[in-house]
PDB file of N, CA and C in Angstrom:
ATOM      1  N   UNK A   1     104.330  98.067 107.118  1.00  0.00           N
ATOM      2  CA  UNK A   1     103.671  96.914 106.524  1.00  0.00           C
ATOM      3  C   UNK A   1     103.709  96.965 104.714  1.00  0.00           C
ATOM      4  N   UNK A   2     104.022  96.370 104.386  1.00  0.00           N
ATOM      5  CA  UNK A   2     104.449  95.583 102.942  1.00  0.00           C
ATOM      6  C   UNK A   2     102.650  95.989 102.019  1.00  0.00           C
ATOM      7  N   UNK A   3     103.279  96.025 100.963  1.00  0.00           N
ATOM      8  CA  UNK A   3     102.133  96.300 100.297  1.00  0.00           C
ATOM      9  C   UNK A   3     101.079  95.333  99.963  1.00  0.00           C
ATOM     10  N   UNK A   4     101.737  93.912  99.912  1.00  0.00           N
ATOM     11  CA  UNK A   4     100.640  92.946 100.135  1.00  0.00           C
ATOM     12  C   UNK A   4     100.097  92.795 101.417  1.00  0.00           C
ATOM     13  N   UNK A   5     100.463  93.192 102.610  1.00  0.00           N
ATOM     14  CA  UNK A   5     100.157  93.417 104.180  1.00  0.00           C
ATOM     15  C   UNK A   5      98.573  94.218 103.702  1.00  0.00           C
ATOM     16  N   UNK A   6      98.868  95.815 103.180  1.00  0.00           N
ATOM     17  CA  UNK A   6      97.691  96.903 103.257  1.00  0.00           C
ATOM     18  C   UNK A   6      96.709  96.259 102.345  1.00  0.00           C
ATOM     19  N   UNK A   7      97.257  96.217 101.117  1.00  0.00           N
ATOM     20  CA  UNK A   7      96.430  95.516 100.105  1.00  0.00           C
ATOM     21  C   UNK A   7      94.669  94.335 100.895  1.00  0.00           C
ATOM     22  N   UNK A   8      95.675  93.928 101.740  1.00  0.00           N
ATOM     23  CA  UNK A   8      94.671  92.863 102.201  1.00  0.00           C
ATOM     24  C   UNK A   8      93.631  93.710 103.057  1.00  0.00           C
ATOM     25  N   UNK A   9      94.308  94.340 103.967  1.00  0.00           N
ATOM     26  CA  UNK A   9      93.792  94.798 105.233  1.00  0.00           C
ATOM     27  C   UNK A   9      92.883  95.701 104.514  1.00  0.00           C
ATOM     28  N   UNK A  10      93.053  96.755 103.704  1.00  0.00           N
ATOM     29  CA  UNK A  10      92.201  97.642 103.071  1.00  0.00           C
ATOM     30  C   UNK A  10      90.678  96.655 102.092  1.00  0.00           C
ATOM     31  N   UNK A  11      91.490  95.410 101.643  1.00  0.00           N
ATOM     32  CA  UNK A  11      90.154  94.807 101.141  1.00  0.00           C
ATOM     33  C   UNK A  11      89.184  94.376 102.411  1.00  0.00           C
ATOM     34  N   UNK A  12      89.697  93.836 102.919  1.00  0.00           N
ATOM     35  CA  UNK A  12      88.984  93.144 104.107  1.00  0.00           C
ATOM     36  C   UNK A  12      88.206  94.555 105.077  1.00  0.00           C
ATOM     37  N   UNK A  13      89.068  95.275 105.534  1.00  0.00           N
ATOM     38  CA  UNK A  13      88.267  96.678 106.169  1.00  0.00           C
ATOM     39  C   UNK A  13      86.749  97.005 105.018  1.00  0.00           C
ATOM     40  N   UNK A  14      87.193  96.964 103.657  1.00  0.00           N
ATOM     41  CA  UNK A  14      86.108  97.117 102.932  1.00  0.00           C
ATOM     42  C   UNK A  14      85.112  96.289 102.728  1.00  0.00           C
ATOM     43  N   UNK A  15      85.214  95.184 103.240  1.00  0.00           N
ATOM     44  CA  UNK A  15      84.308  93.789 103.660  1.00  0.00           C
ATOM     45  C   UNK A  15      83.651  93.308 101.991  1.00  0.00           C
ATOM     46  N   UNK A  16      85.205  93.340 101.070  1.00  0.00           N
ATOM     47  CA  UNK A  16      85.009  93.161  99.319  1.00  0.00           C
ATOM     48  C   UNK A  16      85.938  91.973  99.711  1.00  0.00           C
ATOM     49  N   UNK A  17      85.531  90.761  98.495  1.00  0.00           N
ATOM     50  CA  UNK A  17      86.234  89.672  98.333  1.00  0.00           C
ATOM     51  C   UNK A  17      87.258  89.686  97.362  1.00  0.00           C
ATOM     52  N   UNK A  18      88.231  89.581  97.102  1.00  0.00           N
ATOM     53  CA  UNK A  18      88.973  89.275  96.079  1.00  0.00           C
ATOM     54  C   UNK A  18      88.424  89.342  94.703  1.00  0.00           C
ATOM     55  N   UNK A  19      87.115  88.607  94.468  1.00  0.00           N
ATOM     56  CA  UNK A  19      86.626  88.678  93.203  1.00  0.00           C
ATOM     57  C   UNK A  19      86.059  89.912  92.497  1.00  0.00           C
ATOM     58  N   UNK A  20      85.663  90.409  93.750  1.00  0.00           N
ATOM     59  CA  UNK A  20      84.838  91.872  93.449  1.00  0.00           C
ATOM     60  C   UNK A  20      85.934  93.086  93.556  1.00  0.00           C
ATOM     61  N   UNK A  21      87.042  92.733  93.933  1.00  0.00           N
ATOM     62  CA  UNK A  21      88.002  93.790  93.696  1.00  0.00           C
ATOM     63  C   UNK A  21      88.602  93.615  92.476  1.00  0.00           C
ATOM     64  N   UNK A  22      88.881  92.419  92.332  1.00  0.00           N
ATOM     65  CA  UNK A  22      89.458  91.986  90.565  1.00  0.00           C
ATOM     66  C   UNK A  22      88.423  92.491  89.557  1.00  0.00           C
ATOM     67  N   UNK A  23      86.989  92.487  89.958  1.00  0.00           N
ATOM     68  CA  UNK A  23      85.996  93.405  88.370  1.00  0.00           C
ATOM     69  C   UNK A  23      86.445  94.801  88.619  1.00  0.00           C
ATOM     70  N   UNK A  24      86.674  94.751  89.725  1.00  0.00           N
ATOM     71  CA  UNK A  24      86.833  96.553  89.994  1.00  0.00           C
ATOM     72  C   UNK A  24      87.946  96.951  89.309  1.00  0.00           C
ATOM     73  N   UNK A  25      88.872  96.343  89.216  1.00  0.00           N
ATOM     74  CA  UNK A  25      90.493  96.502  88.808  1.00  0.00           C
ATOM     75  C   UNK A  25      90.426  96.082  87.403  1.00  0.00           C
ATOM     76  N   UNK A  26      89.175  95.340  86.535  1.00  0.00           N
ATOM     77  CA  UNK A  26      89.911  94.796  85.516  1.00  0.00           C
ATOM     78  C   UNK A  26      90.589  93.772  85.733  1.00  0.00           C
ATOM     79  N   UNK A  27      90.826  93.042  86.551  1.00  0.00           N
ATOM     80  CA  UNK A  27      92.427  91.862  86.684  1.00  0.00           C
ATOM     81  C   UNK A  27      91.712  90.322  87.114  1.00  0.00           C
ATOM     82  N   UNK A  28      92.055  89.699  87.149  1.00  0.00           N
ATOM     83  CA  UNK A  28      91.525  88.778  87.629  1.00  0.00           C
ATOM     84  C   UNK A  28      91.544  88.241  89.437  1.00  0.00           C
ATOM     85  N   UNK A  29      91.102  87.633  89.954  1.00  0.00           N
ATOM     86  CA  UNK A  29      90.983  86.791  91.308  1.00  0.00           C
ATOM     87  C   UNK A  29      92.486  86.594  91.788  1.00  0.00           C
ATOM     88  N   UNK A  30      92.908  85.703  90.670  1.00  0.00           N
ATOM     89  CA  UNK A  30      94.064  85.010  91.018  1.00  0.00           C
ATOM     90  C   UNK A  30      95.221  86.120  91.553  1.00  0.00           C
ATOM     91  N   UNK A  31      95.007  86.933  90.193  1.00  0.00           N
ATOM     92  CA  UNK A  31      95.854  88.322  90.373  1.00  0.00           C
ATOM     93  C   UNK A  31      96.051  89.266  91.800  1.00  0.00           C
ATOM     94  N   UNK A  32      94.582  89.439  92.120  1.00  0.00           N
ATOM     95  CA  UNK A  32      94.631  90.427  93.446  1.00  0.00           C
ATOM     96  C   UNK A  32      95.435  88.953  94.504  1.00  0.00           C
ATOM     97  N   UNK A  33      94.680  87.455  94.503  1.00  0.00           N
ATOM     98  CA  UNK A  33      95.447  86.698  95.167  1.00  0.00           C
ATOM     99  C   UNK A  33      97.143  86.891  95.639  1.00  0.00           C
ATOM    100  N   UNK A  34      97.732  87.044  93.778  1.00  0.00           N
ATOM    101  CA  UNK A  34      98.673  86.874  93.969  1.00  0.00           C
ATOM    102  C   UNK A  34      99.205  88.294  94.735  1.00  0.00           C
ATOM    103  N   UNK A  35      98.903  89.520  94.512  1.00  0.00           N
ATOM    104  CA  UNK A  35      99.312  90.692  94.677  1.00  0.00           C
ATOM    105  C   UNK A  35      99.453  90.961  96.693  1.00  0.00           C
ATOM    106  N   UNK A  36      98.362  90.146  97.077  1.00  0.00           N
ATOM    107  CA  UNK A  36      98.166  89.548  98.386  1.00  0.00           C
ATOM    108  C   UNK A  36      99.348  88.894  99.052  1.00  0.00           C
ATOM    109  N   UNK A  37      99.482  88.132  98.031  1.00  0.00           N
ATOM    110  CA  UNK A  37     100.682  87.117  98.965  1.00  0.00           C
ATOM    111  C   UNK A  37     102.044  87.480  98.470  1.00  0.00           C
ATOM    112  N   UNK A  38     102.324  88.218  97.918  1.00  0.00           N
ATOM    113  CA  UNK A  38     103.154  89.242  97.505  1.00  0.00           C
ATOM    114  C   UNK A  38     104.030  88.073  96.218  1.00  0.00           C
ATOM    115  N   UNK A  39     103.144  87.258  95.545  1.00  0.00           N
ATOM    116  CA  UNK A  39     103.860  86.344  93.951  1.00  0.00           C
ATOM    117  C   UNK A  39     103.507  87.515  93.017  1.00  0.00           C
ATOM    118  N   UNK A  40     102.980  88.333  93.119  1.00  0.00           N
ATOM    119  CA  UNK A  40     102.930  88.923  91.584  1.00  0.00           C
ATOM    120  C   UNK A  40     102.822  90.500  92.197  1.00  0.00           C
ATOM    121  N   UNK A  41     103.099  91.416  91.326  1.00  0.00           N
ATOM    122  CA  UNK A  41     103.523  92.980  91.862  1.00  0.00           C
ATOM    123  C   UNK A  41     102.205  93.723  90.349  1.00  0.00           C
ATOM    124  N   UNK A  42     101.367  94.493  90.988  1.00  0.00           N
ATOM    125  CA  UNK A  42     100.471  95.152  89.962  1.00  0.00           C
ATOM    126  C   UNK A  42     101.544  96.393  89.094  1.00  0.00           C
ATOM    127  N   UNK A  43     100.896  95.906  87.915  1.00  0.00           N
ATOM    128  CA  UNK A  43     101.802  97.478  86.995  1.00  0.00           C
ATOM    129  C   UNK A  43     101.539  98.836  87.514  1.00  0.00           C
ATOM    130  N   UNK A  44     101.686  99.862  86.800  1.00  0.00           N
ATOM    131  CA  UNK A  44     101.825 100.941  87.573  1.00  0.00           C
ATOM    132  C   UNK A  44     100.062 101.900  87.427  1.00  0.00           C
ATOM    133  N   UNK A  45      99.596 101.157  86.806  1.00  0.00           N
ATOM    134  CA  UNK A  45      98.065 101.631  86.243  1.00  0.00           C
ATOM    135  C   UNK A  45      97.540 101.069  87.128  1.00  0.00           C
ATOM    136  N   UNK A  46      97.745  99.723  87.375  1.00  0.00           N
ATOM    137  CA  UNK A  46      96.652  99.050  88.296  1.00  0.00           C
ATOM    138  C   UNK A  46      96.947  99.990  89.665  1.00  0.00           C
ATOM    139  N   UNK A  47      98.315  99.725  90.168  1.00  0.00           N
ATOM    140  CA  UNK A  47      98.264 100.114  91.506  1.00  0.00           C
ATOM    141  C   UNK A  47      97.686 101.608  91.678  1.00  0.00           C
ATOM    142  N   UNK A  48      97.972 102.309  90.905  1.00  0.00           N
ATOM    143  CA  UNK A  48      97.086 103.450  90.542  1.00  0.00           C
ATOM    144  C   UNK A  48      95.790 103.533  91.189  1.00  0.00           C
ATOM    145  N   UNK A  49      95.099 102.724  90.375  1.00  0.00           N
ATOM    146  CA  UNK A  49      93.473 102.510  90.724  1.00  0.00           C
ATOM    147  C   UNK A  49      93.228 101.421  92.165  1.00  0.00           C
ATOM    148  N   UNK A  50      94.114 101.243  92.408  1.00  0.00           N
ATOM    149  CA  UNK A  50      93.739 100.444  93.539  1.00  0.00           C
ATOM    150  C   UNK A  50      94.064 101.391  94.814  1.00  0.00           C
ATOM    151  N   UNK A  51      95.093 102.544  94.126  1.00  0.00           N
ATOM    152  CA  UNK A  51      94.907 103.438  94.928  1.00  0.00           C
ATOM    153  C   UNK A  51      93.584 104.681  95.349  1.00  0.00           C
ATOM    154  N   UNK A  52      93.071 104.448  94.169  1.00  0.00           N
ATOM    155  CA  UNK A  52      92.125 105.618  93.911  1.00  0.00           C
ATOM    156  C   UNK A  52      90.621 104.796  94.525  1.00  0.00           C
ATOM    157  N   UNK A  53      90.610 103.496  94.057  1.00  0.00           N
ATOM    158  CA  UNK A  53      89.656 103.017  94.477  1.00  0.00           C
ATOM    159  C   UNK A  53      89.581 102.843  96.031  1.00  0.00           C
ATOM    160  N   UNK A  54      90.563 102.865  96.964  1.00  0.00           N
ATOM    161  CA  UNK A  54      90.757 102.643  98.055  1.00  0.00           C
ATOM    162  C   UNK A  54      90.823 104.265  99.151  1.00  0.00           C
ATOM    163  N   UNK A  55      90.900 105.168  97.988  1.00  0.00           N
ATOM    164  CA  UNK A  55      90.841 106.605  98.604  1.00  0.00           C
ATOM    165  C   UNK A  55      92.295 106.584  99.656  1.00  0.00           C
ATOM    166  N   UNK A  56      93.753 106.129  98.600  1.00  0.00           N
ATOM    167  CA  UNK A  56      94.507 105.937  99.634  1.00  0.00           C
ATOM    168  C   UNK A  56      96.061 106.552  98.496  1.00  0.00           C
ATOM    169  N   UNK A  57      96.908 106.955  98.991  1.00  0.00           N
ATOM    170  CA  UNK A  57      97.930 107.042  98.340  1.00  0.00           C
ATOM    171  C   UNK A  57      98.239 105.782  97.567  1.00  0.00           C
ATOM    172  N   UNK A  58      99.497 106.008  96.576  1.00  0.00           N
ATOM    173  CA  UNK A  58     100.562 105.030  96.224  1.00  0.00           C
ATOM    174  C   UNK A  58     101.048 104.662  97.722  1.00  0.00           C
ATOM    175  N   UNK A  59     102.094 105.331  97.959  1.00  0.00           N
ATOM    176  CA  UNK A  59     102.877 105.437  98.962  1.00  0.00           C
ATOM    177  C   UNK A  59     102.525 104.989  99.724  1.00  0.00           C
ATOM    178  N   UNK A  60     101.078 105.221 100.515  1.00  0.00           N
ATOM    179  CA  UNK A  60     100.680 104.402 101.463  1.00  0.00           C
ATOM    180  C   UNK A  60     100.467 103.419 100.859  1.00  0.00           C
ATOM    181  N   UNK A  61     100.104 102.800  99.918  1.00  0.00           N
ATOM    182  CA  UNK A  61      99.612 101.328  99.354  1.00  0.00           C
ATOM    183  C   UNK A  61     101.254 100.303  99.273  1.00  0.00           C
ATOM    184  N   UNK A  62     101.786 101.010  99.092  1.00  0.00           N
ATOM    185  CA  UNK A  62     103.553 100.674  99.192  1.00  0.00           C
ATOM    186  C   UNK A  62     104.439 100.265 100.018  1.00  0.00           C
ATOM    187  N   UNK A  63     103.565 101.052 101.471  1.00  0.00           N
ATOM    188  CA  UNK A  63     104.341 100.844 102.589  1.00  0.00           C
ATOM    189  C   UNK A  63     105.092 102.231 102.991  1.00  0.00           C
ATOM    190  N   UNK A  64     105.255 102.871 101.869  1.00  0.00           N
ATOM    191  CA  UNK A  64     106.240 103.752 102.059  1.00  0.00           C
ATOM    192  C   UNK A  64     105.866 105.336 102.742  1.00  0.00           C
ATOM    193  N   UNK A  65     104.194 105.281 103.317  1.00  0.00           N
ATOM    194  CA  UNK A  65     103.844 106.132 104.210  1.00  0.00           C
ATOM    195  C   UNK A  65     103.381 105.852 104.921  1.00  0.00           C
ATOM    196  N   UNK A  66     103.032 106.492 106.150  1.00  0.00           N
ATOM    197  CA  UNK A  66     102.153 106.176 107.202  1.00  0.00           C
ATOM    198  C   UNK A  66     100.495 106.999 106.664  1.00  0.00           C
ATOM    199  N   UNK A  67     100.421 107.713 105.701  1.00  0.00           N
ATOM    200  CA  UNK A  67      99.346 108.503 105.433  1.00  0.00           C
ATOM    201  C   UNK A  67      98.339 107.820 104.550  1.00  0.00           C
ATOM    202  N   UNK A  68      97.252 107.611 104.993  1.00  0.00           N
ATOM    203  CA  UNK A  68      96.232 106.561 104.273  1.00  0.00           C
ATOM    204  C   UNK A  68      95.442 107.580 103.453  1.00  0.00           C
ATOM    205  N   UNK A  69      95.016 109.060 103.614  1.00  0.00           N
ATOM    206  CA  UNK A  69      93.717 109.800 102.612  1.00  0.00           C
ATOM    207  C   UNK A  69      93.931 111.034 103.312  1.00  0.00           C
ATOM    208  N   UNK A  70      93.480 112.123 102.649  1.00  0.00           N
ATOM    209  CA  UNK A  70      93.166 113.167 102.794  1.00  0.00           C
ATOM    210  C   UNK A  70      91.661 113.235 103.470  1.00  0.00           C
ATOM    211  N   UNK A  71      91.834 113.815 104.270  1.00  0.00           N
ATOM    212  CA  UNK A  71      90.695 114.124 105.522  1.00  0.00           C
ATOM    213  C   UNK A  71      89.735 114.958 104.574  1.00  0.00           C
ATOM    214  N   UNK A  72      89.380 114.984 103.392  1.00  0.00           N
ATOM    215  CA  UNK A  72      88.703 116.098 102.666  1.00  0.00           C
ATOM    216  C   UNK A  72      86.984 116.082 103.364  1.00  0.00           C
ATOM    217  N   UNK A  73      86.636 114.947 103.780  1.00  0.00           N
ATOM    218  CA  UNK A  73      84.984 114.928 104.203  1.00  0.00           C
ATOM    219  C   UNK A  73      85.210 116.153 105.419  1.00  0.00           C
ATOM    220  N   UNK A  74      86.265 116.826 106.053  1.00  0.00           N
ATOM    221  CA  UNK A  74      86.316 117.688 106.917  1.00  0.00           C
ATOM    222  C   UNK A  74      86.802 118.663 106.466  1.00  0.00           C
ATOM    223  N   UNK A  75      86.857 119.018 104.886  1.00  0.00           N
ATOM    224  CA  UNK A  75      87.224 120.661 104.239  1.00  0.00           C
ATOM    225  C   UNK A  75      88.557 120.906 105.108  1.00  0.00           C
ATOM    226  N   UNK A  76      89.221 120.144 104.593  1.00  0.00           N
ATOM    227  CA  UNK A  76      91.028 120.599 104.945  1.00  0.00           C
ATOM    228  C   UNK A  76      91.646 119.678 104.345  1.00  0.00           C
ATOM    229  N   UNK A  77      92.972 120.115 103.994  1.00  0.00           N
ATOM    230  CA  UNK A  77      94.001 119.300 103.688  1.00  0.00           C
ATOM    231  C   UNK A  77      95.098 118.514 104.537  1.00  0.00           C
ATOM    232  N   UNK A  78      94.076 118.816 105.484  1.00  0.00           N
ATOM    233  CA  UNK A  78      94.518 117.170 106.671  1.00  0.00           C
ATOM    234  C   UNK A  78      94.661 116.399 106.179  1.00  0.00           C
ATOM    235  N   UNK A  79      95.871 115.063 106.575  1.00  0.00           N
ATOM    236  CA  UNK A  79      95.683 114.277 106.403  1.00  0.00           C
ATOM    237  C   UNK A  79      96.229 113.188 107.630  1.00  0.00           C
ATOM    238  N   UNK A  80      95.349 111.789 107.763  1.00  0.00           N
ATOM    239  CA  UNK A  80      95.445 111.332 108.498  1.00  0.00           C
ATOM    240  C   UNK A  80      95.670 110.105 108.977  1.00  0.00           C
ATOM    241  N   UNK A  81      96.873 109.693 109.312  1.00  0.00           N
ATOM    242  CA  UNK A  81      97.417 108.524 109.445  1.00  0.00           C
ATOM    243  C   UNK A  81      96.892 107.266 110.399  1.00  0.00           C
ATOM    244  N   UNK A  82      95.859 106.784 109.596  1.00  0.00           N
ATOM    245  CA  UNK A  82      95.408 105.807 110.350  1.00  0.00           C
ATOM    246  C   UNK A  82      95.794 104.512 109.933  1.00  0.00           C
ATOM    247  N   UNK A  83      96.291 103.346 110.685  1.00  0.00           N
ATOM    248  CA  UNK A  83      96.546 102.104 110.381  1.00  0.00           C
ATOM    249  C   UNK A  83      95.340 101.280 109.802  1.00  0.00           C
ATOM    250  N   UNK A  84      95.561 100.221 108.684  1.00  0.00           N
ATOM    251  CA  UNK A  84      94.364  99.788 108.111  1.00  0.00           C
ATOM    252  C   UNK A  84      93.765  99.085 108.868  1.00  0.00           C
ATOM    253  N   UNK A  85      94.301  98.243 110.317  1.00  0.00           N
ATOM    254  CA  UNK A  85      93.632  97.789 111.258  1.00  0.00           C
ATOM    255  C   UNK A  85      92.812  98.716 111.968  1.00  0.00           C
ATOM    256  N   UNK A  86      93.058  99.523 112.114  1.00  0.00           N
ATOM    257  CA  UNK A  86      91.862 100.575 113.274  1.00  0.00           C
ATOM    258  C   UNK A  86      91.319 101.307 112.216  1.00  0.00           C
ATOM    259  N   UNK A  87      91.337 101.580 111.259  1.00  0.00           N
ATOM    260  CA  UNK A  87      90.281 101.862 109.660  1.00  0.00           C
ATOM    261  C   UNK A  87      89.072 101.177 109.605  1.00  0.00           C
ATOM    262  N   UNK A  88      89.376  99.713 110.206  1.00  0.00           N
ATOM    263  CA  UNK A  88      87.974  98.530 110.114  1.00  0.00           C
ATOM    264  C   UNK A  88      87.090  99.283 111.017  1.00  0.00           C
ATOM    265  N   UNK A  89      87.828  99.512 112.324  1.00  0.00           N
ATOM    266  CA  UNK A  89      86.798  99.698 113.319  1.00  0.00           C
ATOM    267  C   UNK A  89      85.929 101.095 113.130  1.00  0.00           C
ATOM    268  N   UNK A  90      86.909 102.455 112.306  1.00  0.00           N
ATOM    269  CA  UNK A  90      85.765 103.288 112.030  1.00  0.00           C
ATOM    270  C   UNK A  90      84.702 102.923 110.477  1.00  0.00           C
ATOM    271  N   UNK A  91      85.208 102.174 109.901  1.00  0.00           N
ATOM    272  CA  UNK A  91      83.893 101.525 108.927  1.00  0.00           C
ATOM    273  C   UNK A  91      82.996 100.718 109.852  1.00  0.00           C
ATOM    274  N   UNK A  92      83.377 100.036 111.062  1.00  0.00           N
ATOM    275  CA  UNK A  92      82.158  99.335 111.306  1.00  0.00           C
ATOM    276  C   UNK A  92      81.527 100.419 112.209  1.00  0.00           C
ATOM    277  N   UNK A  93      82.219 101.482 113.058  1.00  0.00           N
ATOM    278  CA  UNK A  93      81.039 102.035 113.693  1.00  0.00           C
ATOM    279  C   UNK A  93      80.221 103.018 112.610  1.00  0.00           C
ATOM    280  N   UNK A  94      80.464 103.097 111.585  1.00  0.00           N
ATOM    281  CA  UNK A  94      79.535 103.672 110.952  1.00  0.00           C
ATOM    282  C   UNK A  94      78.505 103.256 110.285  1.00  0.00           C
ATOM    283  N   UNK A  95      78.315 101.931 110.889  1.00  0.00           N
ATOM    284  CA  UNK A  95      76.924 100.840 110.916  1.00  0.00           C
ATOM    285  C   UNK A  95      75.991 101.719 111.890  1.00  0.00           C
ATOM    286  N   UNK A  96      76.266 102.705 112.579  1.00  0.00           N
ATOM    287  CA  UNK A  96      75.678 102.867 113.779  1.00  0.00           C
ATOM    288  C   UNK A  96      75.783 104.306 113.925  1.00  0.00           C
ATOM    289  N   UNK A  97      74.858 105.125 113.148  1.00  0.00           N
ATOM    290  CA  UNK A  97      74.824 106.857 113.016  1.00  0.00           C
ATOM    291  C   UNK A  97      74.861 107.350 114.158  1.00  0.00           C
ATOM    292  N   UNK A  98      73.993 106.705 115.580  1.00  0.00           N
ATOM    293  CA  UNK A  98      73.889 107.711 116.236  1.00  0.00           C
ATOM    294  C   UNK A  98      74.489 107.782 117.432  1.00  0.00           C
ATOM    295  N   UNK A  99      75.619 106.368 117.183  1.00  0.00           N
ATOM    296  CA  UNK A  99      76.806 106.541 118.226  1.00  0.00           C
ATOM    297  C   UNK A  99      77.962 107.011 117.395  1.00  0.00           C
ATOM    298  N   UNK A 100      77.923 107.172 116.139  1.00  0.00           N
ATOM    299  CA  UNK A 100      78.840 107.489 115.070  1.00  0.00           C
ATOM    300  C   UNK A 100      78.825 109.036 115.943  1.00  0.00           C
ATOM    301  N   UNK A 101      77.607 109.753 115.710  1.00  0.00           N
ATOM    302  CA  UNK A 101      76.916 111.308 115.836  1.00  0.00           C
ATOM    303  C   UNK A 101      77.642 111.465 117.146  1.00  0.00           C
ATOM    304  N   UNK A 102      77.305 111.018 118.117  1.00  0.00           N
ATOM    305  CA  UNK A 102      77.816 111.315 119.277  1.00  0.00           C
ATOM    306  C   UNK A 102      78.981 110.999 119.734  1.00  0.00           C
ATOM    307  N   UNK A 103      79.667 110.317 119.023  1.00  0.00           N
ATOM    308  CA  UNK A 103      81.195 110.543 119.151  1.00  0.00           C
ATOM    309  C   UNK A 103      81.730 111.158 118.495  1.00  0.00           C
ATOM    310  N   UNK A 104      81.710 112.363 117.566  1.00  0.00           N
ATOM    311  CA  UNK A 104      81.508 113.131 116.563  1.00  0.00           C
ATOM    312  C   UNK A 104      81.710 114.171 117.622  1.00  0.00           C
ATOM    313  N   UNK A 105      80.537 114.282 117.932  1.00  0.00           N
ATOM    314  CA  UNK A 105      80.329 115.761 119.141  1.00  0.00           C
ATOM    315  C   UNK A 105      80.860 115.725 120.085  1.00  0.00           C
ATOM    316  N   UNK A 106      81.139 114.647 120.500  1.00  0.00           N
ATOM    317  CA  UNK A 106      81.675 114.974 121.756  1.00  0.00           C
ATOM    318  C   UNK A 106      82.609 113.786 122.428  1.00  0.00           C
ATOM    319  N   UNK A 107      83.787 113.303 121.472  1.00  0.00           N
ATOM    320  CA  UNK A 107      84.459 111.921 121.732  1.00  0.00           C
ATOM    321  C   UNK A 107      85.082 111.687 123.164  1.00  0.00           C
ATOM    322  N   UNK A 108      85.304 112.826 123.865  1.00  0.00           N
ATOM    323  CA  UNK A 108      85.853 111.989 125.209  1.00  0.00           C
ATOM    324  C   UNK A 108      85.059 111.651 126.178  1.00  0.00           C
ATOM    325  N   UNK A 109      83.939 112.381 126.130  1.00  0.00           N
ATOM    326  CA  UNK A 109      82.711 111.719 127.115  1.00  0.00           C
ATOM    327  C   UNK A 109      82.149 110.367 126.428  1.00  0.00           C
ATOM    328  N   UNK A 110      81.933 110.184 125.579  1.00  0.00           N
ATOM    329  CA  UNK A 110      81.388 109.455 125.074  1.00  0.00           C
ATOM    330  C   UNK A 110      82.105 107.921 124.902  1.00  0.00           C
ATOM    331  N   UNK A 111      83.939 108.076 124.891  1.00  0.00           N
ATOM    332  CA  UNK A 111      84.458 107.638 124.621  1.00  0.00           C
ATOM    333  C   UNK A 111      84.106 106.569 126.374  1.00  0.00           C
ATOM    334  N   UNK A 112      84.603 107.769 126.947  1.00  0.00           N
ATOM    335  CA  UNK A 112      84.696 107.325 128.277  1.00  0.00           C
ATOM    336  C   UNK A 112      83.207 106.380 128.903  1.00  0.00           C
ATOM    337  N   UNK A 113      82.078 106.973 128.184  1.00  0.00           N
ATOM    338  CA  UNK A 113      80.732 106.113 128.664  1.00  0.00           C
ATOM    339  C   UNK A 113      81.014 104.643 128.226  1.00  0.00           C
ATOM    340  N   UNK A 114      81.719 104.675 127.113  1.00  0.00           N
ATOM    341  CA  UNK A 114      81.499 102.920 126.146  1.00  0.00           C
ATOM    342  C   UNK A 114      82.505 102.445 127.343  1.00  0.00           C
ATOM    343  N   UNK A 115      83.809 102.999 127.595  1.00  0.00           N
ATOM    344  CA  UNK A 115      84.661 102.197 128.218  1.00  0.00           C
ATOM    345  C   UNK A 115      84.295 101.417 129.594  1.00  0.00           C
ATOM    346  N   UNK A 116      83.549 102.971 130.248  1.00  0.00           N
ATOM    347  CA  UNK A 116      82.993 102.243 131.577  1.00  0.00           C
ATOM    348  C   UNK A 116      81.713 101.066 131.450  1.00  0.00           C
ATOM    349  N   UNK A 117      81.058 100.766 129.965  1.00  0.00           N
ATOM    350  CA  UNK A 117      79.655 100.455 130.048  1.00  0.00           C
ATOM    351  C   UNK A 117      80.910  98.689 129.704  1.00  0.00           C
ATOM    352  N   UNK A 118      81.816  98.756 128.585  1.00  0.00           N
ATOM    353  CA  UNK A 118      82.484  97.305 128.732  1.00  0.00           C
ATOM    354  C   UNK A 118      83.019  97.188 129.707  1.00  0.00           C
ATOM    355  N   UNK A 119      83.556  97.931 130.986  1.00  0.00           N
ATOM    356  CA  UNK A 119      84.467  97.217 131.437  1.00  0.00           C
ATOM    357  C   UNK A 119      83.308  96.521 132.735  1.00  0.00           C
ATOM    358  N   UNK A 120      82.099  97.178 132.627  1.00  0.00           N
ATOM    359  CA  UNK A 120      80.932  96.832 133.708  1.00  0.00           C
ATOM    360  C   UNK A 120      80.422  95.582 132.856  1.00  0.00           C
ATOM    361  N   UNK A 121      80.520  95.325 131.508  1.00  0.00           N
ATOM    362  CA  UNK A 121      80.085  94.176 131.049  1.00  0.00           C
ATOM    363  C   UNK A 121      81.263  92.906 131.365  1.00  0.00           C
ATOM    364  N   UNK A 122      82.945  93.522 131.547  1.00  0.00           N
ATOM    365  CA  UNK A 122      83.740  92.145 131.750  1.00  0.00           C
ATOM    366  C   UNK A 122      83.600  91.807 132.547  1.00  0.00           C
ATOM    367  N   UNK A 123      83.155  92.383 133.613  1.00  0.00           N
ATOM    368  CA  UNK A 123      83.200  91.925 135.002  1.00  0.00           C
ATOM    369  C   UNK A 123      81.937  91.536 135.484  1.00  0.00           C
ATOM    370  N   UNK A 124      81.004  91.666 134.546  1.00  0.00           N
ATOM    371  CA  UNK A 124      79.815  91.319 134.793  1.00  0.00           C
ATOM    372  C   UNK A 124      80.129  89.555 134.510  1.00  0.00           C
ATOM    373  N   UNK A 125      80.438  89.747 133.417  1.00  0.00           N
ATOM    374  CA  UNK A 125      80.667  87.908 132.893  1.00  0.00           C
ATOM    375  C   UNK A 125      81.949  87.239 133.724  1.00  0.00           C
ATOM    376  N   UNK A 126      82.664  87.812 134.573  1.00  0.00           N
ATOM    377  CA  UNK A 126      83.512  86.869 135.410  1.00  0.00           C
ATOM    378  C   UNK A 126      82.646  86.374 136.237  1.00  0.00           C
ATOM    379  N   UNK A 127      81.566  86.809 136.997  1.00  0.00           N
ATOM    380  CA  UNK A 127      80.250  86.378 137.727  1.00  0.00           C
ATOM    381  C   UNK A 127      80.099  85.024 137.522  1.00  0.00           C
TER     382      UNK A 127
END
């Protein structure tokens, strides 16, 4: 995935507009749009600020690494390789704290239960 694609995916997964990101980076919405469509490249300082804002490495932003962020919330230096598309799923899941907690406690069991429920709903919708 290229820099423009990664930046756009990160911004969308954070559910923020180009204007909000531009304000945070002290650049215009037009600059953010240019970065996302590949017509502009950020300077080194802006690139680092973008990486810090999204808690990713500059290598990840530039498409040179699949390592997205450090799992510091788990108290380790382990790195997570999470595609930006999947990151939005994790962000959405955090909106449901009980489900999020249950998945953290017993991921295999709860994921299996969710899959069975989803399968049931799929079958019901065919009727």
